[in-house]
């Protein structure tokens, strides 16, 4: 059985959702890179934690559990964790579906604060613009190109789940990877 699993993909592709499902189904501890990358401030996702601090925090948490699943992207700051991974899962969804999911998630989280005049309007617009570039952008940002290069260099097994597949279907497809 795989003990250390990392799930990555574009924002809105379902990495956290799948990680939570894996944690529940197979008894893993779930960690999310956002909890390490971002400082916990009044306006979430606006202040980046210093890299040394996020590495120390994540390293401490990963070492404290034998079986874990880590969701989110580490590209650019967390390559030192690559040797820990037994399995990496890459999720991809068509852009239109991802963007709809992100809009719904942002609306659920922040309500009217993301509408014109709202206190999160500008940061919301900036985030949605950034997220919309994932499939077309180059190596200068978190993108499909960056993820593909990163995945190609991994020494562990990689599972790809692409397209609109339910969480239940993803879990069924992953059984063969998790148990080998």
N, C-alpha and C. Protein backbone atom coordinates (compact mmCIF):
# COMPACT_ATOMS: atom_id res chain seq x y z
N UNK A 1 0.85 -1.19 0.00
CA UNK A 1 0.00 0.00 0.00
C UNK A 1 0.89 1.24 0.00
N UNK A 2 0.47 2.23 -0.78
CA UNK A 2 1.20 3.50 -0.81
C UNK A 2 0.92 4.26 0.49
N UNK A 3 1.96 4.81 1.08
CA UNK A 3 1.81 5.51 2.36
C UNK A 3 1.83 7.03 2.24
N UNK A 4 2.55 7.56 1.24
CA UNK A 4 2.67 9.00 1.09
C UNK A 4 2.25 9.40 -0.32
N UNK A 5 1.12 10.09 -0.38
CA UNK A 5 0.51 10.44 -1.66
C UNK A 5 0.44 11.96 -1.79
N UNK A 6 0.78 12.43 -2.98
CA UNK A 6 0.66 13.86 -3.28
C UNK A 6 -0.30 14.02 -4.45
N UNK A 7 -1.23 14.98 -4.35
CA UNK A 7 -2.20 15.25 -5.41
C UNK A 7 -2.01 16.69 -5.86
N UNK A 8 -1.87 16.89 -7.17
CA UNK A 8 -1.73 18.24 -7.69
C UNK A 8 -2.55 18.40 -8.95
N UNK A 9 -2.76 19.65 -9.30
CA UNK A 9 -3.51 20.02 -10.49
C UNK A 9 -3.82 21.50 -10.42
N UNK A 10 -4.52 21.99 -11.38
CA UNK A 10 -4.90 23.41 -11.40
C UNK A 10 -5.83 23.72 -10.24
N UNK A 11 -5.84 24.97 -9.86
CA UNK A 11 -6.80 25.42 -8.86
C UNK A 11 -8.20 25.14 -9.40
N UNK A 12 -9.02 24.48 -8.60
CA UNK A 12 -10.38 24.13 -9.03
C UNK A 12 -10.50 22.75 -9.65
N UNK A 13 -9.39 22.01 -9.74
CA UNK A 13 -9.43 20.68 -10.35
C UNK A 13 -9.90 19.60 -9.38
N UNK A 14 -9.96 19.91 -8.09
CA UNK A 14 -10.47 18.95 -7.11
C UNK A 14 -9.42 18.26 -6.27
N UNK A 15 -8.22 18.84 -6.15
CA UNK A 15 -7.17 18.18 -5.39
C UNK A 15 -7.53 18.02 -3.92
N UNK A 16 -8.05 19.06 -3.31
CA UNK A 16 -8.42 18.99 -1.89
C UNK A 16 -9.61 18.04 -1.68
N UNK A 17 -10.57 18.11 -2.57
CA UNK A 17 -11.74 17.24 -2.47
C UNK A 17 -11.34 15.77 -2.56
N UNK A 18 -10.48 15.44 -3.52
CA UNK A 18 -10.03 14.06 -3.66
C UNK A 18 -9.17 13.64 -2.47
N UNK A 19 -8.30 14.52 -1.99
CA UNK A 19 -7.47 14.19 -0.84
C UNK A 19 -8.32 13.89 0.39
N UNK A 20 -9.35 14.66 0.61
CA UNK A 20 -10.25 14.41 1.74
C UNK A 20 -10.94 13.06 1.59
N UNK A 21 -11.34 12.73 0.37
CA UNK A 21 -12.01 11.45 0.12
C UNK A 21 -11.04 10.29 0.34
N UNK A 22 -9.80 10.42 -0.11
CA UNK A 22 -8.78 9.38 0.11
C UNK A 22 -8.52 9.22 1.59
N UNK A 23 -8.39 10.34 2.30
CA UNK A 23 -8.15 10.29 3.74
C UNK A 23 -9.27 9.53 4.45
N UNK A 24 -10.49 9.82 4.08
CA UNK A 24 -11.64 9.15 4.70
C UNK A 24 -11.72 7.67 4.31
N UNK A 25 -11.55 7.38 3.03
CA UNK A 25 -11.70 6.01 2.52
C UNK A 25 -10.60 5.08 2.99
N UNK A 26 -9.35 5.59 3.04
CA UNK A 26 -8.21 4.72 3.31
C UNK A 26 -7.51 4.99 4.64
N UNK A 27 -7.98 6.00 5.38
CA UNK A 27 -7.40 6.27 6.70
C UNK A 27 -6.10 7.05 6.69
N UNK A 28 -5.92 7.91 5.72
CA UNK A 28 -4.73 8.76 5.66
C UNK A 28 -4.98 10.07 6.43
N UNK A 29 -3.91 10.72 6.82
CA UNK A 29 -3.99 12.08 7.36
C UNK A 29 -3.88 13.02 6.17
N UNK A 30 -4.76 14.01 6.08
CA UNK A 30 -4.75 14.94 4.96
C UNK A 30 -4.07 16.25 5.34
N UNK A 31 -3.17 16.70 4.47
CA UNK A 31 -2.55 18.01 4.58
C UNK A 31 -2.77 18.74 3.27
N UNK A 32 -2.87 20.08 3.33
CA UNK A 32 -3.05 20.88 2.12
C UNK A 32 -1.96 21.94 2.06
N UNK A 33 -1.33 22.07 0.90
CA UNK A 33 -0.21 23.01 0.76
C UNK A 33 -0.63 24.46 1.04
N UNK A 34 -1.89 24.80 0.82
CA UNK A 34 -2.34 26.17 1.12
C UNK A 34 -2.15 26.51 2.59
N UNK A 35 -2.28 25.53 3.47
CA UNK A 35 -2.12 25.78 4.90
C UNK A 35 -0.68 26.11 5.27
N UNK A 36 0.24 25.78 4.39
CA UNK A 36 1.66 26.05 4.62
C UNK A 36 2.13 27.25 3.81
N UNK A 37 1.60 27.38 2.62
CA UNK A 37 2.02 28.46 1.72
C UNK A 37 1.53 29.83 2.20
N UNK A 38 0.29 29.88 2.67
CA UNK A 38 -0.32 31.15 3.06
C UNK A 38 -0.29 31.33 4.57
N UNK A 39 -0.05 32.56 5.00
CA UNK A 39 -0.14 32.89 6.42
C UNK A 39 -1.61 33.03 6.80
N UNK A 40 -1.97 32.62 8.02
CA UNK A 40 -3.37 32.80 8.46
C UNK A 40 -3.60 34.25 8.89
N UNK A 41 -4.12 35.05 7.98
CA UNK A 41 -4.39 36.47 8.23
C UNK A 41 -5.88 36.74 8.04
N UNK A 42 -6.30 37.94 8.43
CA UNK A 42 -7.73 38.29 8.36
C UNK A 42 -8.32 38.08 6.97
N UNK A 43 -7.60 38.52 5.94
CA UNK A 43 -8.06 38.29 4.57
C UNK A 43 -7.26 37.11 4.01
N UNK A 44 -7.87 35.91 4.01
CA UNK A 44 -7.13 34.69 3.61
C UNK A 44 -6.54 34.77 2.21
N UNK A 45 -5.46 34.02 2.02
CA UNK A 45 -4.80 33.87 0.72
C UNK A 45 -4.24 35.18 0.18
N UNK A 46 -3.75 36.04 1.08
CA UNK A 46 -3.20 37.31 0.63
C UNK A 46 -1.76 37.53 1.08
N UNK A 47 -1.29 36.77 2.07
CA UNK A 47 0.07 36.97 2.58
C UNK A 47 0.82 35.64 2.59
N UNK A 48 1.89 35.58 1.81
CA UNK A 48 2.67 34.36 1.65
C UNK A 48 3.58 34.15 2.86
N UNK A 49 3.61 32.92 3.35
CA UNK A 49 4.49 32.54 4.45
C UNK A 49 5.92 32.43 3.91
N UNK A 50 6.92 32.85 4.67
CA UNK A 50 8.31 32.68 4.21
C UNK A 50 8.61 31.21 3.92
N UNK A 51 9.36 30.97 2.85
CA UNK A 51 9.60 29.62 2.37
C UNK A 51 10.20 28.70 3.43
N UNK A 52 11.17 29.19 4.19
CA UNK A 52 11.81 28.35 5.21
C UNK A 52 10.80 27.90 6.26
N UNK A 53 9.92 28.81 6.62
CA UNK A 53 8.90 28.50 7.63
C UNK A 53 7.90 27.46 7.11
N UNK A 54 7.45 27.63 5.86
CA UNK A 54 6.48 26.67 5.32
C UNK A 54 7.11 25.28 5.16
N UNK A 55 8.36 25.23 4.76
CA UNK A 55 9.06 23.95 4.64
C UNK A 55 9.18 23.28 6.00
N UNK A 56 9.59 24.03 7.01
CA UNK A 56 9.72 23.47 8.36
C UNK A 56 8.39 22.95 8.89
N UNK A 57 7.33 23.72 8.71
CA UNK A 57 6.01 23.30 9.19
C UNK A 57 5.53 22.04 8.49
N UNK A 58 5.65 22.01 7.17
CA UNK A 58 5.20 20.84 6.41
C UNK A 58 6.05 19.62 6.73
N UNK A 59 7.34 19.79 6.83
CA UNK A 59 8.24 18.69 7.15
C UNK A 59 7.89 18.08 8.51
N UNK A 60 7.62 18.93 9.47
CA UNK A 60 7.23 18.45 10.80
C UNK A 60 5.95 17.64 10.73
N UNK A 61 4.96 18.14 10.01
CA UNK A 61 3.68 17.43 9.91
C UNK A 61 3.82 16.10 9.15
N UNK A 62 4.53 16.11 8.04
CA UNK A 62 4.67 14.88 7.26
C UNK A 62 5.43 13.81 8.05
N UNK A 63 6.43 14.23 8.78
CA UNK A 63 7.21 13.27 9.57
C UNK A 63 6.45 12.72 10.76
N UNK A 64 5.40 13.40 11.16
CA UNK A 64 4.64 12.96 12.33
C UNK A 64 3.57 11.93 12.00
N UNK A 65 3.42 11.57 10.72
CA UNK A 65 2.42 10.59 10.29
C UNK A 65 3.04 9.63 9.29
N UNK A 66 2.69 8.38 9.43
CA UNK A 66 3.19 7.36 8.51
C UNK A 66 2.46 7.39 7.18
N UNK A 67 1.13 7.59 7.24
CA UNK A 67 0.30 7.56 6.04
C UNK A 67 -0.39 8.91 5.89
N UNK A 68 -0.07 9.59 4.79
CA UNK A 68 -0.67 10.90 4.55
C UNK A 68 -0.92 11.13 3.07
N UNK A 69 -1.82 12.09 2.83
CA UNK A 69 -2.11 12.56 1.47
C UNK A 69 -2.00 14.08 1.52
N UNK A 70 -1.21 14.62 0.60
CA UNK A 70 -0.93 16.05 0.53
C UNK A 70 -1.54 16.60 -0.75
N UNK A 71 -2.42 17.57 -0.61
CA UNK A 71 -3.05 18.18 -1.79
C UNK A 71 -2.47 19.56 -2.05
N UNK A 72 -2.44 19.93 -3.33
CA UNK A 72 -1.94 21.24 -3.72
C UNK A 72 -0.59 21.15 -4.39
N UNK A 73 -0.14 22.27 -4.91
CA UNK A 73 1.11 22.29 -5.66
C UNK A 73 2.30 22.70 -4.80
N UNK A 74 3.41 22.00 -5.00
CA UNK A 74 4.68 22.31 -4.35
C UNK A 74 5.70 22.86 -5.32
N UNK A 75 5.37 22.87 -6.61
CA UNK A 75 6.32 23.28 -7.64
C UNK A 75 6.87 24.67 -7.32
N UNK A 76 8.19 24.75 -7.34
CA UNK A 76 8.82 26.03 -7.11
C UNK A 76 9.28 26.26 -5.69
N UNK A 77 8.75 25.53 -4.74
CA UNK A 77 9.19 25.71 -3.36
C UNK A 77 9.34 24.41 -2.58
N UNK A 78 8.77 23.33 -3.04
CA UNK A 78 8.76 22.11 -2.24
C UNK A 78 9.40 20.90 -2.88
N UNK A 79 10.31 21.10 -3.80
CA UNK A 79 10.93 19.95 -4.47
C UNK A 79 11.66 19.03 -3.50
N UNK A 80 12.09 19.54 -2.37
CA UNK A 80 12.78 18.68 -1.40
C UNK A 80 11.87 17.59 -0.83
N UNK A 81 10.56 17.70 -1.04
CA UNK A 81 9.62 16.68 -0.57
C UNK A 81 9.43 15.54 -1.56
N UNK A 82 9.94 15.67 -2.77
CA UNK A 82 9.75 14.65 -3.81
C UNK A 82 10.15 13.25 -3.33
N UNK A 83 11.27 13.08 -2.65
CA UNK A 83 11.65 11.72 -2.21
C UNK A 83 10.65 11.07 -1.24
N UNK A 84 9.79 11.86 -0.64
CA UNK A 84 8.80 11.32 0.30
C UNK A 84 7.65 10.61 -0.42
N UNK A 85 7.37 10.98 -1.66
CA UNK A 85 6.17 10.52 -2.35
C UNK A 85 6.29 9.09 -2.85
N UNK A 86 5.28 8.27 -2.51
CA UNK A 86 5.14 6.92 -3.07
C UNK A 86 4.30 6.97 -4.34
N UNK A 87 3.39 7.93 -4.38
CA UNK A 87 2.45 8.07 -5.49
C UNK A 87 2.10 9.55 -5.64
N UNK A 88 2.09 10.02 -6.89
CA UNK A 88 1.62 11.37 -7.18
C UNK A 88 0.43 11.24 -8.12
N UNK A 89 -0.63 11.96 -7.81
CA UNK A 89 -1.86 11.96 -8.61
C UNK A 89 -2.01 13.33 -9.24
N UNK A 90 -2.17 13.35 -10.56
CA UNK A 90 -2.37 14.59 -11.29
C UNK A 90 -3.81 14.67 -11.75
N UNK A 91 -4.48 15.77 -11.41
CA UNK A 91 -5.88 15.99 -11.82
C UNK A 91 -5.93 17.09 -12.88
N UNK A 92 -6.74 16.87 -13.88
CA UNK A 92 -6.95 17.88 -14.90
C UNK A 92 -8.42 17.92 -15.28
N UNK A 93 -8.93 19.13 -15.40
CA UNK A 93 -10.31 19.38 -15.86
C UNK A 93 -10.29 20.43 -16.95
N UNK A 94 -11.26 20.41 -17.85
CA UNK A 94 -11.36 21.48 -18.84
C UNK A 94 -11.51 22.84 -18.13
N UNK A 95 -10.95 23.85 -18.73
CA UNK A 95 -10.92 25.19 -18.15
C UNK A 95 -12.30 25.71 -17.76
N UNK A 96 -13.29 25.55 -18.64
CA UNK A 96 -14.61 26.10 -18.34
C UNK A 96 -15.21 25.49 -17.07
N UNK A 97 -14.99 24.22 -16.85
CA UNK A 97 -15.53 23.55 -15.65
C UNK A 97 -14.77 24.04 -14.41
N UNK A 98 -13.45 24.11 -14.52
CA UNK A 98 -12.64 24.60 -13.41
C UNK A 98 -13.05 26.01 -13.00
N UNK A 99 -13.22 26.87 -13.97
CA UNK A 99 -13.55 28.27 -13.68
C UNK A 99 -14.94 28.39 -13.04
N UNK A 100 -15.89 27.56 -13.49
CA UNK A 100 -17.21 27.54 -12.87
C UNK A 100 -17.10 27.10 -11.41
N UNK A 101 -16.30 26.06 -11.17
CA UNK A 101 -16.10 25.57 -9.80
C UNK A 101 -15.47 26.65 -8.92
N UNK A 102 -14.46 27.31 -9.47
CA UNK A 102 -13.78 28.35 -8.69
C UNK A 102 -14.71 29.50 -8.37
N UNK A 103 -15.53 29.91 -9.34
CA UNK A 103 -16.47 31.00 -9.09
C UNK A 103 -17.45 30.60 -7.99
N UNK A 104 -17.96 29.38 -8.07
CA UNK A 104 -18.90 28.90 -7.05
C UNK A 104 -18.23 28.83 -5.68
N UNK A 105 -16.98 28.35 -5.63
CA UNK A 105 -16.26 28.26 -4.35
C UNK A 105 -16.01 29.64 -3.77
N UNK A 106 -15.58 30.57 -4.61
CA UNK A 106 -15.32 31.93 -4.14
C UNK A 106 -16.61 32.60 -3.64
N UNK A 107 -17.71 32.38 -4.35
CA UNK A 107 -18.99 32.95 -3.94
C UNK A 107 -19.43 32.35 -2.61
N UNK A 108 -19.24 31.04 -2.45
CA UNK A 108 -19.60 30.37 -1.20
C UNK A 108 -18.76 30.88 -0.04
N UNK A 109 -17.48 31.06 -0.27
CA UNK A 109 -16.57 31.52 0.79
C UNK A 109 -16.78 32.98 1.16
N UNK A 110 -16.96 33.85 0.16
CA UNK A 110 -16.87 35.28 0.40
C UNK A 110 -18.13 36.07 0.08
N UNK A 111 -19.12 35.43 -0.53
CA UNK A 111 -20.39 36.10 -0.81
C UNK A 111 -20.20 37.41 -1.56
N UNK A 112 -20.88 38.44 -1.06
CA UNK A 112 -20.86 39.75 -1.70
C UNK A 112 -19.52 40.45 -1.67
N UNK A 113 -18.59 39.96 -0.87
CA UNK A 113 -17.26 40.59 -0.80
C UNK A 113 -16.50 40.51 -2.12
N UNK A 114 -16.92 39.60 -3.03
CA UNK A 114 -16.21 39.48 -4.31
C UNK A 114 -16.92 40.21 -5.45
N UNK A 115 -18.04 40.85 -5.13
CA UNK A 115 -18.76 41.61 -6.16
C UNK A 115 -18.16 43.02 -6.26
N UNK A 116 -18.48 43.73 -7.32
CA UNK A 116 -17.96 45.08 -7.51
C UNK A 116 -18.22 45.91 -6.26
N UNK A 117 -17.16 46.52 -5.77
CA UNK A 117 -17.25 47.33 -4.56
C UNK A 117 -16.98 46.55 -3.28
N UNK A 118 -16.98 45.23 -3.37
CA UNK A 118 -16.72 44.40 -2.20
C UNK A 118 -15.25 44.43 -1.80
N UNK A 119 -14.97 44.12 -0.53
CA UNK A 119 -13.59 44.24 -0.04
C UNK A 119 -12.64 43.21 -0.67
N UNK A 120 -13.16 42.14 -1.27
CA UNK A 120 -12.31 41.14 -1.92
C UNK A 120 -12.44 41.16 -3.45
N UNK A 121 -13.12 42.17 -3.96
CA UNK A 121 -13.35 42.22 -5.41
C UNK A 121 -12.05 42.17 -6.21
N UNK A 122 -11.11 43.04 -5.88
CA UNK A 122 -9.86 43.10 -6.64
C UNK A 122 -9.06 41.81 -6.51
N UNK A 123 -8.95 41.28 -5.30
CA UNK A 123 -8.18 40.04 -5.13
C UNK A 123 -8.88 38.88 -5.83
N UNK A 124 -10.20 38.88 -5.84
CA UNK A 124 -10.96 37.84 -6.54
C UNK A 124 -10.70 37.91 -8.05
N UNK A 125 -10.77 39.11 -8.60
CA UNK A 125 -10.52 39.28 -10.04
C UNK A 125 -9.11 38.84 -10.41
N UNK A 126 -8.15 39.20 -9.58
CA UNK A 126 -6.76 38.82 -9.82
C UNK A 126 -6.60 37.30 -9.76
N UNK A 127 -7.21 36.67 -8.75
CA UNK A 127 -7.13 35.22 -8.61
C UNK A 127 -7.77 34.52 -9.81
N UNK A 128 -8.97 34.94 -10.21
CA UNK A 128 -9.66 34.30 -11.32
C UNK A 128 -8.87 34.47 -12.63
N UNK A 129 -8.26 35.62 -12.82
CA UNK A 129 -7.44 35.85 -14.01
C UNK A 129 -6.24 34.89 -13.99
N UNK A 130 -5.57 34.79 -12.85
CA UNK A 130 -4.43 33.89 -12.70
C UNK A 130 -4.85 32.44 -12.98
N UNK A 131 -5.94 32.00 -12.36
CA UNK A 131 -6.40 30.62 -12.51
C UNK A 131 -6.79 30.31 -13.96
N UNK A 132 -7.29 31.30 -14.67
CA UNK A 132 -7.74 31.07 -16.06
C UNK A 132 -6.57 30.81 -17.01
N UNK A 133 -5.36 31.13 -16.61
CA UNK A 133 -4.19 30.99 -17.48
C UNK A 133 -3.49 29.64 -17.35
N UNK A 134 -3.96 28.77 -16.47
CA UNK A 134 -3.26 27.51 -16.17
C UNK A 134 -2.92 26.68 -17.40
N UNK A 135 -3.87 26.46 -18.29
CA UNK A 135 -3.65 25.58 -19.44
C UNK A 135 -2.74 26.18 -20.51
N UNK A 136 -2.70 27.49 -20.63
CA UNK A 136 -1.95 28.14 -21.70
C UNK A 136 -0.61 28.71 -21.26
N UNK A 137 -0.42 28.98 -19.98
CA UNK A 137 0.79 29.66 -19.50
C UNK A 137 2.02 28.77 -19.63
N UNK A 138 3.16 29.43 -19.57
CA UNK A 138 4.43 28.72 -19.63
C UNK A 138 4.96 28.42 -18.24
N UNK A 139 6.27 28.32 -18.15
CA UNK A 139 6.93 27.91 -16.92
C UNK A 139 7.03 29.03 -15.88
N UNK A 140 6.60 30.23 -16.23
CA UNK A 140 6.74 31.38 -15.34
C UNK A 140 5.73 31.38 -14.19
N UNK A 141 4.75 30.50 -14.26
CA UNK A 141 3.72 30.45 -13.21
C UNK A 141 3.26 29.00 -13.03
N UNK A 142 2.47 28.78 -11.99
CA UNK A 142 1.87 27.46 -11.80
C UNK A 142 0.96 27.20 -12.99
N UNK A 143 1.36 26.24 -13.81
CA UNK A 143 0.67 26.00 -15.07
C UNK A 143 0.73 24.52 -15.41
N UNK A 144 -0.03 24.14 -16.42
CA UNK A 144 0.02 22.76 -16.89
C UNK A 144 1.42 22.43 -17.40
N UNK A 145 2.05 23.36 -18.09
CA UNK A 145 3.41 23.14 -18.59
C UNK A 145 4.38 22.88 -17.44
N UNK A 146 4.29 23.69 -16.39
CA UNK A 146 5.16 23.50 -15.22
C UNK A 146 4.88 22.16 -14.55
N UNK A 147 3.61 21.84 -14.37
CA UNK A 147 3.24 20.57 -13.75
C UNK A 147 3.71 19.39 -14.59
N UNK A 148 3.56 19.48 -15.92
CA UNK A 148 3.98 18.37 -16.79
C UNK A 148 5.49 18.14 -16.69
N UNK A 149 6.26 19.21 -16.68
CA UNK A 149 7.71 19.06 -16.54
C UNK A 149 8.06 18.44 -15.19
N UNK A 150 7.41 18.90 -14.15
CA UNK A 150 7.65 18.41 -12.79
C UNK A 150 7.28 16.92 -12.70
N UNK A 151 6.13 16.56 -13.25
CA UNK A 151 5.68 15.16 -13.22
C UNK A 151 6.64 14.24 -13.97
N UNK A 152 7.16 14.70 -15.09
CA UNK A 152 8.06 13.88 -15.92
C UNK A 152 9.35 13.53 -15.19
N UNK A 153 9.74 14.35 -14.24
CA UNK A 153 11.00 14.13 -13.52
C UNK A 153 10.83 13.34 -12.22
N UNK A 154 9.60 12.99 -11.86
CA UNK A 154 9.38 12.30 -10.59
C UNK A 154 9.89 10.86 -10.62
N UNK A 155 10.49 10.41 -9.52
CA UNK A 155 10.98 9.03 -9.45
C UNK A 155 9.91 8.02 -9.01
N UNK A 156 8.74 8.50 -8.66
CA UNK A 156 7.68 7.62 -8.15
C UNK A 156 6.60 7.42 -9.22
N UNK A 157 5.64 6.57 -8.88
CA UNK A 157 4.52 6.30 -9.77
C UNK A 157 3.61 7.53 -9.86
N UNK A 158 3.11 7.82 -11.06
CA UNK A 158 2.20 8.94 -11.30
C UNK A 158 0.89 8.40 -11.87
N UNK A 159 -0.22 8.80 -11.26
CA UNK A 159 -1.56 8.45 -11.76
C UNK A 159 -2.18 9.73 -12.30
N UNK A 160 -2.75 9.64 -13.49
CA UNK A 160 -3.41 10.80 -14.11
C UNK A 160 -4.92 10.56 -14.14
N UNK A 161 -5.66 11.51 -13.62
CA UNK A 161 -7.12 11.46 -13.68
C UNK A 161 -7.57 12.73 -14.39
N UNK A 162 -7.95 12.58 -15.63
CA UNK A 162 -8.28 13.74 -16.45
C UNK A 162 -9.73 13.69 -16.89
N UNK A 163 -10.35 14.86 -16.94
CA UNK A 163 -11.74 14.96 -17.37
C UNK A 163 -12.71 14.96 -16.20
N UNK A 164 -13.98 14.94 -16.55
CA UNK A 164 -15.03 15.02 -15.54
C UNK A 164 -15.36 13.63 -15.02
N UNK A 165 -14.72 13.27 -13.93
CA UNK A 165 -14.90 11.97 -13.28
C UNK A 165 -15.35 12.26 -11.85
N UNK A 166 -16.35 11.56 -11.37
CA UNK A 166 -16.81 11.79 -10.00
C UNK A 166 -15.74 11.36 -9.01
N UNK A 167 -15.85 11.83 -7.80
CA UNK A 167 -14.90 11.45 -6.75
C UNK A 167 -14.95 9.94 -6.54
N UNK A 168 -16.13 9.36 -6.56
CA UNK A 168 -16.27 7.92 -6.38
C UNK A 168 -15.56 7.15 -7.49
N UNK A 169 -15.70 7.62 -8.73
CA UNK A 169 -15.01 6.99 -9.86
C UNK A 169 -13.49 7.14 -9.72
N UNK A 170 -13.05 8.29 -9.24
CA UNK A 170 -11.62 8.51 -9.03
C UNK A 170 -11.08 7.52 -7.99
N UNK A 171 -11.81 7.35 -6.91
CA UNK A 171 -11.37 6.41 -5.87
C UNK A 171 -11.25 4.99 -6.43
N UNK A 172 -12.22 4.58 -7.25
CA UNK A 172 -12.16 3.24 -7.86
C UNK A 172 -10.94 3.10 -8.75
N UNK A 173 -10.66 4.13 -9.55
CA UNK A 173 -9.50 4.09 -10.44
C UNK A 173 -8.19 4.07 -9.65
N UNK A 174 -8.19 4.71 -8.50
CA UNK A 174 -6.96 4.80 -7.70
C UNK A 174 -6.65 3.55 -6.90
N UNK A 175 -7.64 2.70 -6.69
CA UNK A 175 -7.40 1.46 -5.92
C UNK A 175 -6.17 0.71 -6.39
N UNK A 176 -6.05 0.53 -7.70
CA UNK A 176 -4.92 -0.23 -8.23
C UNK A 176 -3.59 0.47 -7.98
N UNK A 177 -3.58 1.79 -7.90
CA UNK A 177 -2.35 2.53 -7.62
C UNK A 177 -2.02 2.49 -6.12
N UNK A 178 -3.03 2.67 -5.31
CA UNK A 178 -2.80 2.74 -3.86
C UNK A 178 -2.38 1.39 -3.30
N UNK A 179 -2.92 0.32 -3.85
CA UNK A 179 -2.62 -1.03 -3.32
C UNK A 179 -1.46 -1.74 -4.01
N UNK A 180 -0.75 -1.07 -4.93
CA UNK A 180 0.41 -1.74 -5.57
C UNK A 180 1.70 -1.24 -4.98
